[in-house]
PDB file of all heavy atoms in Angstrom:
ATOM      1  N   ARG A   1     105.819  94.857  86.016  1.00  0.00           N
ATOM      2  CA  ARG A   1     105.276  96.116  86.403  1.00  0.00           C
ATOM      3  C   ARG A   1     104.067  95.916  87.430  1.00  0.00           C
ATOM      4  O   ARG A   1     103.832  96.807  88.164  1.00  0.00           O
ATOM      5  CB  ARG A   1     104.697  96.850  85.132  1.00  0.00           C
ATOM      6  CG  ARG A   1     105.863  97.360  84.320  1.00  0.00           C
ATOM      7  CD  ARG A   1     105.367  98.278  83.218  1.00  0.00           C
ATOM      8  NE  ARG A   1     106.481  98.767  82.473  1.00  0.00           N
ATOM      9  CZ  ARG A   1     107.163  99.847  82.675  1.00  0.00           C
ATOM     10  NH1 ARG A   1     106.721 100.609  83.671  1.00  0.00           N
ATOM     11  NH2 ARG A   1     108.154 100.264  81.976  1.00  0.00           N
ATOM     12  N   GLY A   2     103.469  94.750  87.366  1.00  0.00           N
ATOM     13  CA  GLY A   2     102.459  94.448  88.397  1.00  0.00           C
ATOM     14  C   GLY A   2     103.072  94.446  89.743  1.00  0.00           C
ATOM     15  O   GLY A   2     102.473  94.787  90.761  1.00  0.00           O
ATOM     16  N   LYS A   3     104.382  93.982  89.849  1.00  0.00           N
ATOM     17  CA  LYS A   3     105.070  93.911  91.100  1.00  0.00           C
ATOM     18  C   LYS A   3     105.341  95.281  91.582  1.00  0.00           C
ATOM     19  O   LYS A   3     105.645  95.470  92.797  1.00  0.00           O
ATOM     20  CB  LYS A   3     106.342  93.108  90.892  1.00  0.00           C
ATOM     21  CG  LYS A   3     106.080  91.640  90.667  1.00  0.00           C
ATOM     22  CD  LYS A   3     107.305  90.888  90.414  1.00  0.00           C
ATOM     23  CE  LYS A   3     106.978  89.439  90.065  1.00  0.00           C
ATOM     24  NZ  LYS A   3     107.959  88.739  89.302  1.00  0.00           N
ATOM     25  N   LEU A   4     105.362  96.258  90.671  1.00  0.00           N
ATOM     26  CA  LEU A   4     105.666  97.658  91.124  1.00  0.00           C
ATOM     27  C   LEU A   4     104.566  98.241  92.022  1.00  0.00           C
ATOM     28  O   LEU A   4     104.815  99.135  92.825  1.00  0.00           O
ATOM     29  CB  LEU A   4     105.851  98.524  89.910  1.00  0.00           C
ATOM     30  CG  LEU A   4     107.098  98.299  89.127  1.00  0.00           C
ATOM     31  CD1 LEU A   4     107.093  99.090  87.849  1.00  0.00           C
ATOM     32  CD2 LEU A   4     108.372  98.631  89.963  1.00  0.00           C
ATOM     33  N   ARG A   5     103.348  97.707  91.983  1.00  0.00           N
ATOM     34  CA  ARG A   5     102.257  98.251  92.767  1.00  0.00           C
ATOM     35  C   ARG A   5     102.676  98.281  94.243  1.00  0.00           C
ATOM     36  O   ARG A   5     102.596  99.320  94.904  1.00  0.00           O
ATOM     37  CB  ARG A   5     101.018  97.471  92.557  1.00  0.00           C
ATOM     38  CG  ARG A   5      99.896  98.062  93.465  1.00  0.00           C
ATOM     39  CD  ARG A   5      98.632  97.200  93.391  1.00  0.00           C
ATOM     40  NE  ARG A   5      97.658  97.850  94.220  1.00  0.00           N
ATOM     41  CZ  ARG A   5      97.421  97.534  95.511  1.00  0.00           C
ATOM     42  NH1 ARG A   5      98.139  96.677  96.078  1.00  0.00           N
ATOM     43  NH2 ARG A   5      96.463  98.132  96.127  1.00  0.00           N
ATOM     44  N   THR A   6     103.053  97.207  94.755  1.00  0.00           N
ATOM     45  CA  THR A   6     103.352  97.128  96.174  1.00  0.00           C
ATOM     46  C   THR A   6     104.634  97.887  96.454  1.00  0.00           C
ATOM     47  O   THR A   6     104.683  98.623  97.461  1.00  0.00           O
ATOM     48  CB  THR A   6     103.545  95.673  96.586  1.00  0.00           C
ATOM     49  OG1 THR A   6     102.361  94.948  96.216  1.00  0.00           O
ATOM     50  CG2 THR A   6     103.770  95.612  98.110  1.00  0.00           C
ATOM     51  N   SER A   7     105.613  97.789  95.661  1.00  0.00           N
ATOM     52  CA  SER A   7     106.914  98.433  95.969  1.00  0.00           C
ATOM     53  C   SER A   7     106.763  99.984  95.775  1.00  0.00           C
ATOM     54  O   SER A   7     107.471 100.749  96.371  1.00  0.00           O
ATOM     55  CB  SER A   7     108.052  97.905  95.159  1.00  0.00           C
ATOM     56  OG  SER A   7     107.791  98.019  93.772  1.00  0.00           O
ATOM     57  N   CYS A   8     105.806 100.401  94.883  1.00  0.00           N
ATOM     58  CA  CYS A   8     105.623 101.825  94.690  1.00  0.00           C
ATOM     59  C   CYS A   8     104.563 102.339  95.614  1.00  0.00           C
ATOM     60  O   CYS A   8     104.282 103.498  95.668  1.00  0.00           O
ATOM     61  CB  CYS A   8     105.128 102.071  93.273  1.00  0.00           C
ATOM     62  SG  CYS A   8     106.422 102.030  92.057  1.00  0.00           S
ATOM     63  N   SER A   9     103.991 101.501  96.509  1.00  0.00           N
ATOM     64  CA  SER A   9     102.899 101.943  97.207  1.00  0.00           C
ATOM     65  C   SER A   9     103.221 103.082  98.212  1.00  0.00           C
ATOM     66  O   SER A   9     102.362 103.840  98.610  1.00  0.00           O
ATOM     67  CB  SER A   9     102.316 100.806  98.035  1.00  0.00           C
ATOM     68  OG  SER A   9     103.252 100.274  98.955  1.00  0.00           O
ATOM     69  N   TRP A  10     104.500 103.326  98.522  1.00  0.00           N
ATOM     70  CA  TRP A  10     104.854 104.449  99.285  1.00  0.00           C
ATOM     71  C   TRP A  10     105.036 105.711  98.405  1.00  0.00           C
ATOM     72  O   TRP A  10     105.301 106.804  98.906  1.00  0.00           O
ATOM     73  CB  TRP A  10     106.177 104.198 100.036  1.00  0.00           C
ATOM     74  CG  TRP A  10     107.256 103.651  99.167  1.00  0.00           C
ATOM     75  CD1 TRP A  10     107.501 102.351  98.866  1.00  0.00           C
ATOM     76  CD2 TRP A  10     108.233 104.336  98.391  1.00  0.00           C
ATOM     77  NE1 TRP A  10     108.528 102.218  98.003  1.00  0.00           N
ATOM     78  CE2 TRP A  10     108.992 103.477  97.684  1.00  0.00           C
ATOM     79  CE3 TRP A  10     108.461 105.720  98.188  1.00  0.00           C
ATOM     80  CZ2 TRP A  10     110.066 103.838  96.832  1.00  0.00           C
ATOM     81  CZ3 TRP A  10     109.478 106.072  97.373  1.00  0.00           C
ATOM     82  CH2 TRP A  10     110.242 105.172  96.700  1.00  0.00           C
ATOM     83  N   ASN A  11     104.829 105.604  97.097  1.00  0.00           N
ATOM     84  CA  ASN A  11     104.962 106.698  96.192  1.00  0.00           C
ATOM     85  C   ASN A  11     103.915 106.603  95.088  1.00  0.00           C
ATOM     86  O   ASN A  11     104.162 105.951  94.082  1.00  0.00           O
ATOM     87  CB  ASN A  11     106.363 106.815  95.607  1.00  0.00           C
ATOM     88  CG  ASN A  11     106.643 108.039  94.837  1.00  0.00           C
ATOM     89  OD1 ASN A  11     105.690 108.617  94.216  1.00  0.00           O
ATOM     90  ND2 ASN A  11     107.858 108.461  94.699  1.00  0.00           N
ATOM     91  N   ALA A  12     102.809 107.234  95.288  1.00  0.00           N
ATOM     92  CA  ALA A  12     101.686 107.085  94.350  1.00  0.00           C
ATOM     93  C   ALA A  12     101.987 107.698  93.045  1.00  0.00           C
ATOM     94  O   ALA A  12     101.556 107.209  91.962  1.00  0.00           O
ATOM     95  CB  ALA A  12     100.435 107.718  94.946  1.00  0.00           C
ATOM     96  N   MET A  13     102.843 108.736  93.002  1.00  0.00           N
ATOM     97  CA  MET A  13     103.206 109.342  91.723  1.00  0.00           C
ATOM     98  C   MET A  13     104.030 108.335  90.856  1.00  0.00           C
ATOM     99  O   MET A  13     103.828 108.240  89.662  1.00  0.00           O
ATOM    100  CB  MET A  13     104.010 110.633  91.928  1.00  0.00           C
ATOM    101  CG  MET A  13     104.270 111.427  90.641  1.00  0.00           C
ATOM    102  SD  MET A  13     102.884 111.902  89.751  1.00  0.00           S
ATOM    103  CE  MET A  13     102.260 113.229  90.782  1.00  0.00           C
ATOM    104  N   ALA A  14     104.983 107.705  91.493  1.00  0.00           N
ATOM    105  CA  ALA A  14     105.790 106.682  90.793  1.00  0.00           C
ATOM    106  C   ALA A  14     104.880 105.502  90.270  1.00  0.00           C
ATOM    107  O   ALA A  14     105.008 105.066  89.170  1.00  0.00           O
ATOM    108  CB  ALA A  14     106.900 106.123  91.718  1.00  0.00           C
ATOM    109  N   ALA A  15     103.942 105.153  91.149  1.00  0.00           N
ATOM    110  CA  ALA A  15     103.000 104.055  90.772  1.00  0.00           C
ATOM    111  C   ALA A  15     102.185 104.488  89.489  1.00  0.00           C
ATOM    112  O   ALA A  15     102.053 103.706  88.606  1.00  0.00           O
ATOM    113  CB  ALA A  15     102.057 103.692  91.847  1.00  0.00           C
ATOM    114  N   SER A  16     101.776 105.778  89.566  1.00  0.00           N
ATOM    115  CA  SER A  16     101.012 106.269  88.373  1.00  0.00           C
ATOM    116  C   SER A  16     101.785 106.186  87.114  1.00  0.00           C
ATOM    117  O   SER A  16     101.294 105.739  86.127  1.00  0.00           O
ATOM    118  CB  SER A  16     100.526 107.747  88.615  1.00  0.00           C
ATOM    119  OG  SER A  16      99.600 107.786  89.696  1.00  0.00           O
ATOM    120  N   ARG A  17     103.053 106.663  87.175  1.00  0.00           N
ATOM    121  CA  ARG A  17     103.872 106.598  85.991  1.00  0.00           C
ATOM    122  C   ARG A  17     104.087 105.172  85.533  1.00  0.00           C
ATOM    123  O   ARG A  17     104.067 104.906  84.294  1.00  0.00           O
ATOM    124  CB  ARG A  17     105.231 107.302  86.282  1.00  0.00           C
ATOM    125  CG  ARG A  17     105.110 108.812  86.389  1.00  0.00           C
ATOM    126  CD  ARG A  17     106.521 109.471  86.304  1.00  0.00           C
ATOM    127  NE  ARG A  17     107.348 108.987  87.457  1.00  0.00           N
ATOM    128  CZ  ARG A  17     107.452 109.612  88.668  1.00  0.00           C
ATOM    129  NH1 ARG A  17     106.692 110.672  88.875  1.00  0.00           N
ATOM    130  NH2 ARG A  17     108.192 109.126  89.591  1.00  0.00           N
ATOM    131  N   CYS A  18     104.311 104.266  86.461  1.00  0.00           N
ATOM    132  CA  CYS A  18     104.551 102.867  86.095  1.00  0.00           C
ATOM    133  C   CYS A  18     103.348 102.337  85.302  1.00  0.00           C
ATOM    134  O   CYS A  18     103.505 101.694  84.325  1.00  0.00           O
ATOM    135  CB  CYS A  18     104.774 102.024  87.297  1.00  0.00           C
ATOM    136  SG  CYS A  18     106.366 102.365  88.138  1.00  0.00           S
ATOM    137  N   PHE A  19     102.145 102.557  85.887  1.00  0.00           N
ATOM    138  CA  PHE A  19     100.941 101.939  85.281  1.00  0.00           C
ATOM    139  C   PHE A  19     100.531 102.698  83.930  1.00  0.00           C
ATOM    140  O   PHE A  19      99.991 102.048  83.072  1.00  0.00           O
ATOM    141  CB  PHE A  19      99.852 101.811  86.242  1.00  0.00           C
ATOM    142  CG  PHE A  19     100.198 100.779  87.221  1.00  0.00           C
ATOM    143  CD1 PHE A  19     100.464 101.127  88.582  1.00  0.00           C
ATOM    144  CD2 PHE A  19     100.348  99.433  86.893  1.00  0.00           C
ATOM    145  CE1 PHE A  19     100.829 100.149  89.501  1.00  0.00           C
ATOM    146  CE2 PHE A  19     100.664  98.496  87.817  1.00  0.00           C
ATOM    147  CZ  PHE A  19     100.938  98.823  89.104  1.00  0.00           C
ATOM    148  N   GLN A  20     100.894 103.960  83.855  1.00  0.00           N
ATOM    149  CA  GLN A  20     100.678 104.653  82.635  1.00  0.00           C
ATOM    150  C   GLN A  20     101.558 103.992  81.492  1.00  0.00           C
ATOM    151  O   GLN A  20     101.135 103.817  80.378  1.00  0.00           O
ATOM    152  CB  GLN A  20     101.023 106.148  82.754  1.00  0.00           C
ATOM    153  CG  GLN A  20      99.943 106.893  83.454  1.00  0.00           C
ATOM    154  CD  GLN A  20     100.321 108.296  83.823  1.00  0.00           C
ATOM    155  OE1 GLN A  20     101.479 108.673  83.669  1.00  0.00           O
ATOM    156  NE2 GLN A  20      99.395 109.110  84.253  1.00  0.00           N
ATOM    157  N   ARG A  21     102.771 103.647  81.893  1.00  0.00           N
ATOM    158  CA  ARG A  21     103.682 103.001  80.922  1.00  0.00           C
ATOM    159  C   ARG A  21     103.136 101.604  80.510  1.00  0.00           C
ATOM    160  O   ARG A  21     103.215 101.200  79.391  1.00  0.00           O
ATOM    161  CB  ARG A  21     105.107 102.929  81.490  1.00  0.00           C
ATOM    162  CG  ARG A  21     106.084 102.305  80.563  1.00  0.00           C
ATOM    163  CD  ARG A  21     106.370 103.140  79.343  1.00  0.00           C
ATOM    164  NE  ARG A  21     107.361 102.492  78.552  1.00  0.00           N
ATOM    165  CZ  ARG A  21     107.299 102.307  77.216  1.00  0.00           C
ATOM    166  NH1 ARG A  21     106.202 102.815  76.575  1.00  0.00           N
ATOM    167  NH2 ARG A  21     108.207 101.647  76.585  1.00  0.00           N
ATOM    168  N   VAL A  22     102.675 100.891  81.511  1.00  0.00           N
ATOM    169  CA  VAL A  22     102.076  99.571  81.224  1.00  0.00           C
ATOM    170  C   VAL A  22     100.931  99.798  80.191  1.00  0.00           C
ATOM    171  O   VAL A  22     100.906  98.968  79.187  1.00  0.00           O
ATOM    172  CB  VAL A  22     101.528  98.914  82.439  1.00  0.00           C
ATOM    173  CG1 VAL A  22     100.706  97.668  82.071  1.00  0.00           C
ATOM    174  CG2 VAL A  22     102.607  98.519  83.415  1.00  0.00           C
ATOM    175  N   LEU A  23     100.087 100.778  80.405  1.00  0.00           N
ATOM    176  CA  LEU A  23      99.044 100.948  79.491  1.00  0.00           C
ATOM    177  C   LEU A  23      99.458 101.418  78.063  1.00  0.00           C
ATOM    178  O   LEU A  23      98.778 101.149  77.062  1.00  0.00           O
ATOM    179  CB  LEU A  23      98.015 101.929  80.050  1.00  0.00           C
ATOM    180  CG  LEU A  23      97.223 101.368  81.268  1.00  0.00           C
ATOM    181  CD1 LEU A  23      96.376 102.447  81.938  1.00  0.00           C
ATOM    182  CD2 LEU A  23      96.302 100.193  80.861  1.00  0.00           C
ATOM    183  N   GLU A  24     100.552 102.107  78.028  1.00  0.00           N
ATOM    184  CA  GLU A  24     101.160 102.411  76.682  1.00  0.00           C
ATOM    185  C   GLU A  24     101.556 101.156  75.941  1.00  0.00           C
ATOM    186  O   GLU A  24     101.428 101.075  74.733  1.00  0.00           O
ATOM    187  CB  GLU A  24     102.409 103.357  76.883  1.00  0.00           C
ATOM    188  CG  GLU A  24     102.067 104.766  77.291  1.00  0.00           C
ATOM    189  CD  GLU A  24     103.345 105.549  77.613  1.00  0.00           C
ATOM    190  OE1 GLU A  24     104.446 105.076  77.250  1.00  0.00           O
ATOM    191  OE2 GLU A  24     103.214 106.565  78.307  1.00  0.00           O
ATOM    192  N   LEU A  25     102.038 100.162  76.685  1.00  0.00           N
ATOM    193  CA  LEU A  25     102.472  98.880  76.073  1.00  0.00           C
ATOM    194  C   LEU A  25     101.323  97.968  75.853  1.00  0.00           C
ATOM    195  O   LEU A  25     101.347  97.106  74.897  1.00  0.00           O
ATOM    196  CB  LEU A  25     103.510  98.230  77.011  1.00  0.00           C
ATOM    197  CG  LEU A  25     104.854  98.942  77.203  1.00  0.00           C
ATOM    198  CD1 LEU A  25     105.635  98.290  78.329  1.00  0.00           C
ATOM    199  CD2 LEU A  25     105.612  99.000  75.890  1.00  0.00           C
ATOM    200  N   ASP A  26     100.336  98.071  76.724  1.00  0.00           N
ATOM    201  CA  ASP A  26      99.126  97.111  76.611  1.00  0.00           C
ATOM    202  C   ASP A  26      97.915  97.917  77.127  1.00  0.00           C
ATOM    203  O   ASP A  26      97.571  97.796  78.282  1.00  0.00           O
ATOM    204  CB  ASP A  26      99.428  95.911  77.491  1.00  0.00           C
ATOM    205  CG  ASP A  26      98.330  94.909  77.501  1.00  0.00           C
ATOM    206  OD1 ASP A  26      97.307  95.127  76.787  1.00  0.00           O
ATOM    207  OD2 ASP A  26      98.318  93.994  78.309  1.00  0.00           O
ATOM    208  N   HIS A  27      97.271  98.588  76.193  1.00  0.00           N
ATOM    209  CA  HIS A  27      96.161  99.461  76.619  1.00  0.00           C
ATOM    210  C   HIS A  27      94.918  98.771  77.127  1.00  0.00           C
ATOM    211  O   HIS A  27      94.022  99.326  77.652  1.00  0.00           O
ATOM    212  CB  HIS A  27      95.773 100.390  75.465  1.00  0.00           C
ATOM    213  CG  HIS A  27      95.161  99.692  74.284  1.00  0.00           C
ATOM    214  ND1 HIS A  27      95.886  99.069  73.347  1.00  0.00           N
ATOM    215  CD2 HIS A  27      93.837  99.607  73.904  1.00  0.00           C
ATOM    216  CE1 HIS A  27      95.038  98.523  72.412  1.00  0.00           C
ATOM    217  NE2 HIS A  27      93.795  98.847  72.732  1.00  0.00           N
ATOM    218  N   LYS A  28      94.874  97.402  76.914  1.00  0.00           N
ATOM    219  CA  LYS A  28      93.748  96.640  77.318  1.00  0.00           C
ATOM    220  C   LYS A  28      94.014  95.956  78.730  1.00  0.00           C
ATOM    221  O   LYS A  28      93.162  95.211  79.179  1.00  0.00           O
ATOM    222  CB  LYS A  28      93.418  95.570  76.360  1.00  0.00           C
ATOM    223  CG  LYS A  28      92.899  96.063  75.070  1.00  0.00           C
ATOM    224  CD  LYS A  28      92.566  95.018  74.087  1.00  0.00           C
ATOM    225  CE  LYS A  28      92.065  95.614  72.739  1.00  0.00           C
ATOM    226  NZ  LYS A  28      91.747  94.532  71.804  1.00  0.00           N
ATOM    227  N   ASN A  29      95.145  96.327  79.322  1.00  0.00           N
ATOM    228  CA  ASN A  29      95.457  95.674  80.627  1.00  0.00           C
ATOM    229  C   ASN A  29      94.549  96.234  81.727  1.00  0.00           C
ATOM    230  O   ASN A  29      94.741  97.290  82.274  1.00  0.00           O
ATOM    231  CB  ASN A  29      96.970  95.949  80.923  1.00  0.00           C
ATOM    232  CG  ASN A  29      97.472  95.197  82.118  1.00  0.00           C
ATOM    233  OD1 ASN A  29      96.766  95.080  83.119  1.00  0.00           O
ATOM    234  ND2 ASN A  29      98.712  94.713  82.092  1.00  0.00           N
ATOM    235  N   THR A  30      93.601  95.380  82.056  1.00  0.00           N
ATOM    236  CA  THR A  30      92.602  95.818  83.063  1.00  0.00           C
ATOM    237  C   THR A  30      93.192  96.033  84.460  1.00  0.00           C
ATOM    238  O   THR A  30      92.751  96.871  85.207  1.00  0.00           O
ATOM    239  CB  THR A  30      91.395  94.894  83.119  1.00  0.00           C
ATOM    240  OG1 THR A  30      91.859  93.561  83.420  1.00  0.00           O
ATOM    241  CG2 THR A  30      90.594  94.918  81.818  1.00  0.00           C
TER     242      THR A  30
END
């Protein structure tokens, strides 16, 4: 999911969803 940052960089909404999901799995992921 960290790799999604760059590949999602053309779509901030997709990036937001990706990182929200990461935080659901690991809420302490800074």
